[in-house]
Amino acid sequence: MNPDRKRKRKNPKPGIVSLKVADPLPSAKIAKTVYEDFITTGTKNAEALPLNNAPSVEVVEPLEDSSAPTQTQGASSKLEPFTPEILKEIQDEILSLEADEAVNKQCHSCSTSSNSQADGNLVGSKPRALYRCLECFTHVPMCSDCIIKCHRDQPFHRIQRWTGRLFEKAALSDLGHVLFFGHQGHRCPNNKDSPNNFVVVHTNGTHDCKILYCQCNPLNRRQDKALQLIRHQLFPPSLDLPQTVFTFTVLKDFDRHSLNAKSSNYDYHKTLKEYTDAAFPGKTHHRYKEFNIVMRLWRHLTLRRRSGQDFNIDSLLSHRRSGCLALRCPACPEVGFNIEEWVIELARDNHLHKYTLFLSADGNFRLQRKRKIHDRLDKSLNAGNGYFVEDSKYRHYIKSLRNEVDTSLCAKLKAVRQQDRSKFKDAEVSGVIAIQCARHGFYLPQGMADLDKEEAYIKTDYVLMHALGPEGANQRWISVSYDIWCQYHINLPKRITANLPDFAPYLKYIRGSVPKMHIHGHNVDCQINHSFVYERHSGMTHGEAIESAWSEQNHAASFTKEQNPGHRQETLDNFNGHYNFCKLRQLSSDLSQRRRRAKVSYEAKKDSFDTLTSSISAKLVELWRAVEAQASKSELYQVQGKMPTRQQAISKSLERENGTMPTGLTEFIRRGLEIEILQMNYPQTDVSDEDLDHTHLVDLLKIWRVDQHELFPFLPHLSLTSDEAPHATNLQLPSSFSSEERKMYKLGEATEIEIALRRGYAFDVLSDLRDVIHEINHAMTEKRTNLSSQSIATRSQRHISEIRSRMLGPNATEGLQSLEVDQLWGKNIFIPHTTGDSSKQNPWFWSVGRPEGMLSNDWLIELERVRWYREKAAVDRLREELEILEEEFRRTYKSFTRMNEVWQELAILHENRRGYPAYAWRQADIYSKFANECLFYWKDIRTFILDFINILFETSGRKHSITAQFQFIRSANIRKYDLDNPIHTQSTIRTYLKAPGPYMVDGRVPALFLRSSQPSLPYTSTTSTTTIQSHNNMPNPQTQLPVYMYTSVNRKNIELNGIPTYIAPFIRWVWADIMEYATLKGITTHLKGFIGTGTYEADGDIPRIQISFFDGADTTIGTLTVYNEIDDFALEFVEDTEWGHGCIEELKLGFVVPLDT
């Protein structure tokens, strides 16, 4: 995180304490000790960090009448200085470049006088300076001889010639410039022929050039001349007497533009023609066909280089399919690569999510290919080794099978079957089906195939199984996200067994769900039984990542539909590979951000769930826990009543969509109601947030207007104007018109759907309202039972205020009554009877949906039961998410380090081939940097500090809790590593728990290090030193400090070797996070602190960062010490705490990971 980044707070309320961080500490010079071969060679003096300048904390009361935030850094403010007068001066400077004062005078670049009188181009004894090059920085006018000499190594610069009135375009070749191959730019003595005329295509257009080959070696083979061109970074489109070449620079340039902007070959070639002559591009060289050929070859060769196939990488990764060109996800489990098989075999049932391969399947009907005359023999150069399956085998598979008849009971899928087929008109390929990893968005190898008219199950089967490939045989848990999973999975075993028998063993490991956004259009049963929310071992996986990938790839649909079959697949392969690489570059940062969000959400949800559980009868909770494992999802998460819901209304409306009702009408009305909600909740926040919501709302409205015009052609055509406020736009829903207008515009069916959906929405609001009232009852109970604790009471009051703000009143409709503010309450059935209860009746909405004959209290318990199960599911998913993310970090780091090792080995294997080792070492260096970055994000110091703050301020019985945690960690690790000699603590001890991890790419360290005053401890401690290694690829500037090592020898004879350390400038950003965290948690204690530093010593007593917390009376609450260890920043809490037979002097809380043997 950028330490200078300002944190914004939304709508501060009076009475809320805001903590303000003082000016950052000045940079401090820190002592450096350099070690060579473990021998100290010298120490440099340095200033100590000034503790008296530490951040201070002050209370800031917000102004009651503070004005709304204004935008001061927008485009208008940056354009404001450019007044018309300034623009006129700028224009004068630009136009002055059309001439040059030095032109037509003596050439000052000539070193000697010239005797040439040709054309009268002499001024005195020197030639006239008539030529200039605007691509050279100085563009000084020169004579013809000088400009040729200056461009011997810049042959593709564009030059100009002065005519006496203007500069006109000229060519170096017309002045006698020749490109000589070999011999350092001089003519080959063995070639007496005349130069060959070539058209060279460069980033600034086409050039007529003269090239002379080197003939020191006979050019007998067909490809010899082409290889000479390649050697000089010129790529020919043919091997037979090439006369056109493309520079490597133009190929790289277009490839990069195409990958990021999705520009077409045609548009780029058109741009090159305009670079050559913008006024008459039609008179320039047309090399579009040749450009297509060369780009296809270039992209294929690039894929082969980067994938390592031309280095025989398969010999080092034998577990993978041979010839694979795809870039794989480093975070997903790949047995034998980033996770060992024995780890999966020994995994316990409650850890399955940590080792599950999450996949996502989806069809895209935008990436079509038109039906037109094309080269039927055109095949992809990647030949099914990229992201597409091998085409001929796939076609044979489809022709040999008949698609399964869809007998779906899900209304969502019935609507899908009735979609408009006219959008496939004139399309030979109607789209693609693709498989991605659901959590990180990487396309899988052989995970894409063309579709013909529809998204058939047999096609999804083929792509899914080939995406798993032979590597899938080692997977034990596979979760598939698919928007039609509810129907697709029914006959999946039968289809795979019959059609793809080699993959039948995979079936017992596959389970699936419907993506979280798509599931809202499914039946209620689907939403319960196929939802990620209620699926164990799913974490917070949503399954919608592939949709964002489509939005990126769809930009290429306009030109890939015109390409030949092979060319189109190669283009999409290239885009998929680039998409994967972009994901890989930001993977470590993304995992870190997701972990932080999940941690905050988990803590909040866990507190809420614990409060709910504590307020319910213990016998009821015990009963609910007992039946949880045996009950079905619908029994657990669905109220056994008859109250209509929004999803039921959607399902019924979808079932009515048939040949007489336009397909998609229900979905259209549903989206309209959601846009209406967004309009009502339009943010009243700072400008930056409002801009984001504004853009999102505008995009939704534009799509809405297009769909509205298609579904209701009788309505006046409406479009969103630029000056129309999106939150005030009339959506023109059926309810916006009178009954006569609805008849005129033929909105009868749409009106019925809107009424049904609005009624369902109203009942949903009532259900939410009942949950909120239950929640506020539990919060009030917690507050009353914790009156002695000021911090808990404050937190409870804040919770109550938040709950009250969520109480909104829905509009009335059939089956609903008027809802008044004084009715926003309900009896708390989980507290003893209080005076007056018998005379009070719950408001009317508590009985909505109650089955006939069920007692009121039983109905309330039923509502609370479902709420408890749903809250528990939410907590379980968040806990799983944190565990999954930790494992994904581990696998990502392991993948990067493994690829680093692989490329190093390839460099050694190809050390006798020119260029191969250098390329391999470059790839190894890239993965080494990725590994370092991953380690930095994985072991984020701020995460551990926030953990500690949470323990320090929010755990009741603080001393006891910390001691218990320490005792658990200590005892668990001693048992884990099976130490023979027990540790007896009968006096003061000092214990140091240290997490393991490869500090270096090839290093190993012990998993546990213990120190004690007891001489019987089976460890010995010695001090050693190492050379400090500086890593400058971190997001924040780095500094260096001396590092002392421990050498620990245990029964496994594992030694701890050199440790490169990352040391970030914690002074500002760590403290800012602590202060923000304290504010968010409502800590009322006045905090002061200081930050210190020191040099490591053998016993680790001197801290890296020390933060002390004081109460209002300057009594020390506790001291937080952070030790900068690369794979685990140990947290130390110093206080006197009684434990066992002695006194704990130091509690160092670590996060211990298994020893990687």
Foldseek 3Di string as FASTA:
>chain_A
DPLPDDDDDWDDDFPFWAWDWDDFFDDWDEKAWFDDPQDTDDIDDTDFGDFVPFIWTDTDGDDPPDDFDDDCPDPCNVCVVCDPVNVVVVVVVVVVVFDDPQFQEFFPQDPDFDPDCPPPQDDVRGGTQFKFFPVDPVRHGHDLVVVLVVCLVPQPTWMWGDPPPTTDTDHNVVSPREQEQDPVRDHAPVDPDFWAWAWEQEQLAIHTHTYDYHVPDPPPDQQSVQVSCVVVQWHFLDSHPGRYTYGVRRLVVVLVCCLQVVDDLVVSNQVRLCSVPVVCSVPDDRCSVSSLSRNLVVLVVVLCLVQCVVLVLCVVVVLDDPLASFDDDLLADQDPFLHDLVCVVPDDPQQLLQHEFEKEKDWDQLQFAFDDDDDPPDAAPSQQRFLAHRAVVLVVLVVVDDFDDQPDPKLVVVLVVPDDLCQCPRTQFRTKMFMARQPQGATARNGMYTHGSDDTLLSNLVNVQVSCPSSVVSGQAYEYEYQPCVRSVPCSLVSCCPRPVVSNVSVVRYDYAYAPVSCLLIAPVNCQQRALLQDFSNFPRRSCSVVVVCVSVSSNSVPLNHDDPNSSVSSVSSSSRVVNVVSLVCVLVVLLVVLVVLVVVLVVLVVLLVLLCVLADPVVVVVLVVCVVPDHRCLQQPQPFAFAALSNLSRVLSNPDDPVADRCLLVLLVLVVVLLVCLVPQDSTHPVVNVVSQVVLLVSLQVSLVVCCVRQVLDPRDGDDPPDRSSPDDSPQVVVDDPVVCVSSVCVSSVVSNVSNLSNHQLVLLLVLLVLQQSLVSLVVQLVVPVVDPLSVVVSVVVNVVSVVSNDHGDDDPPGDGDDPVLSHDDNPSDDDDPPPVVDDHDPSLCRRPDPPDDSVNSSVSSSSSVSSSSVSNSSSSVSNSSNSLSSLSSSLSNLLSLLVSLCVSLVVPVVPPPSNVSSNVSSVVSQLSNLQSLCSSQPPLVVVLVVVCLLFPDPPSLVVLVVLLVCVVVVVCVVVVDPDDDDDQEEWEWDFDAWDALHSPAGADQGDTDTPDPVPQKDWDKTFDGEDDDQSYPAGFDDAGDIDTFIQHPVRHGDDDGHFTDGDCSSPSVVSVSVSCSVSVPPFRWDWTWGADHADRVRPTAGTKTWTAGPVRDTSWIWGWHGGSNWTWTKTADWHDDDNYTHGIRTDIDYDDGDD
